Protein backbone atom coordinates (compact mmCIF):
# COMPACT_ATOMS: atom_id res chain seq x y z
CA UNK A 1 -17.02 2.06 10.01
CA UNK A 2 -18.33 -1.49 9.73
CA UNK A 3 -19.41 -2.73 6.29
CA UNK A 4 -21.21 -5.93 5.40
CA UNK A 5 -21.08 -7.09 1.79
CA UNK A 6 -23.32 -9.89 0.54
CA UNK A 7 -22.77 -11.90 -2.62
CA UNK A 8 -23.81 -15.17 -4.20
CA UNK A 9 -27.39 -14.49 -5.18
CA UNK A 10 -28.83 -15.38 -8.55
CA UNK A 11 -31.49 -17.23 -10.49
CA UNK A 12 -31.96 -20.93 -9.82
CA UNK A 13 -34.62 -23.53 -10.55
CA UNK A 14 -36.71 -25.03 -7.78
CA UNK A 15 -34.79 -27.79 -6.06
CA UNK A 16 -31.47 -26.13 -6.77
CA UNK A 17 -28.85 -24.66 -4.46
CA UNK A 18 -27.05 -21.40 -3.85
CA UNK A 19 -24.45 -20.27 -1.36
CA UNK A 20 -24.56 -16.72 -0.10
CA UNK A 21 -21.58 -14.99 1.49
CA UNK A 22 -21.43 -12.05 3.88
CA UNK A 23 -18.03 -10.43 4.36
CA UNK A 24 -17.63 -8.15 7.37
CA UNK A 25 -15.09 -5.35 7.10
CA UNK A 26 -13.94 -2.92 9.74
CA UNK A 27 -14.62 -4.63 13.04
CA UNK A 28 -13.72 -7.57 15.22
CA UNK A 29 -15.71 -10.20 13.38
CA UNK A 30 -14.92 -12.98 15.84
CA UNK A 31 -17.05 -11.45 18.62
CA UNK A 32 -20.10 -10.85 16.46
CA UNK A 33 -23.28 -12.73 15.92
CA UNK A 34 -24.39 -12.47 12.30
CA UNK A 35 -27.93 -12.87 11.04
CA UNK A 36 -29.45 -13.48 7.65
CA UNK A 37 -32.80 -11.91 6.85
CA UNK A 38 -34.83 -11.81 3.66
CA UNK A 39 -37.50 -9.60 2.17
CA UNK A 40 -39.85 -10.68 -0.58
CA UNK A 41 -41.75 -8.13 -2.69
CA UNK A 42 -44.65 -6.67 -0.74
CA UNK A 43 -43.68 -8.48 2.46
CA UNK A 44 -41.91 -7.56 5.66
CA UNK A 45 -38.31 -8.48 6.23
CA UNK A 46 -38.12 -11.82 8.00
CA UNK A 47 -35.49 -13.68 9.98
CA UNK A 48 -33.78 -16.59 8.24
CA UNK A 49 -30.85 -17.74 10.37
CA UNK A 50 -28.23 -16.63 12.86
CA UNK A 51 -24.78 -17.80 13.90
CA UNK A 52 -23.36 -16.66 17.23
CA UNK A 53 -19.71 -15.99 17.91
CA UNK A 54 -19.28 -19.43 19.44
CA UNK A 55 -20.86 -21.11 16.42
CA UNK A 56 -24.33 -21.76 17.81
CA UNK A 57 -26.95 -21.54 15.09
CA UNK A 58 -30.70 -20.96 14.89
CA UNK A 59 -33.07 -21.10 11.93
CA UNK A 60 -36.53 -20.01 10.94
CA UNK A 61 -38.90 -22.96 10.72
CA UNK A 62 -39.43 -22.27 7.02
CA UNK A 63 -35.79 -23.01 6.17
CA UNK A 64 -34.84 -25.56 8.83
CA UNK A 65 -33.32 -28.67 7.27
CA UNK A 66 -32.69 -26.91 3.95
CA UNK A 67 -30.41 -23.97 4.83
CA UNK A 68 -27.14 -24.08 6.75
CA UNK A 69 -25.41 -21.04 8.22
CA UNK A 70 -21.70 -21.17 9.01
CA UNK A 71 -18.81 -18.82 9.70
CA UNK A 72 -15.13 -18.63 8.87
CA UNK A 73 -13.48 -16.27 11.35
CA UNK A 74 -10.20 -16.32 9.41
CA UNK A 75 -12.02 -14.83 6.41
CA UNK A 76 -14.44 -12.57 8.31
CA UNK A 77 -17.20 -14.31 6.39
CA UNK A 78 -20.55 -15.92 7.11
CA UNK A 79 -22.09 -18.31 4.62
CA UNK A 80 -25.67 -19.34 3.99
CA UNK A 81 -25.87 -22.62 2.09
CA UNK A 82 -29.35 -22.93 0.62
CA UNK A 83 -30.47 -26.31 -0.70
CA UNK A 84 -33.80 -27.60 -2.01
CA UNK A 85 -34.80 -24.06 -2.90
CA UNK A 86 -38.47 -23.25 -3.41
CA UNK A 87 -40.13 -20.40 -5.31
CA UNK A 88 -41.22 -18.97 -1.95
CA UNK A 89 -37.56 -18.49 -1.05
CA UNK A 90 -37.40 -15.74 -3.66
CA UNK A 91 -36.34 -12.53 -1.90
CA UNK A 92 -33.55 -10.08 -1.32
CA UNK A 93 -31.28 -11.59 1.31
CA UNK A 94 -29.49 -9.35 3.80
CA UNK A 95 -26.88 -10.00 6.46
CA UNK A 96 -26.92 -8.10 9.70
CA UNK A 97 -24.51 -7.55 12.58
CA UNK A 98 -26.70 -6.55 15.54
CA UNK A 99 -23.73 -5.66 17.75
CA UNK A 100 -22.89 -2.70 15.50
CA UNK A 101 -26.33 -2.14 13.96
CA UNK A 102 -25.00 -2.67 10.45
CA UNK A 103 -26.72 -4.17 7.42
CA UNK A 104 -25.47 -5.17 4.01
CA UNK A 105 -26.91 -3.95 0.73
CA UNK A 106 -28.63 -7.26 -0.04
CA UNK A 107 -28.36 -9.89 -2.74
CA UNK A 108 -31.25 -11.05 -4.89
CA UNK A 109 -32.26 -14.72 -4.89
CA UNK A 110 -34.84 -15.80 -7.45
CA UNK A 111 -36.18 -19.35 -7.57
CA UNK A 112 -38.16 -20.32 -10.63
CA UNK A 113 -40.78 -23.07 -10.60
């Protein structure tokens, strides 16, 4: 059974940075694309970024230039480096492995103004 475990969330002031991690357990991580999504209170879950198995990345327009997604295949881990955070980035952040239809439990990110 594939498990995704997120970590790294927290409370940060506007303009600050956080790095989220998503560890994938129980499958061949190297062949997977991994996505990050987020869900703010009262809103639908929205796409943030993806990294494909070859390293190609794609971002939502709202985070382009501020967030960077990367992967370390040796550690079965995907990272989301978030810089210049804004209050509107406040949400629960989830990682997702579409190939195996698995989601993590989420990690809370709160950005204060």
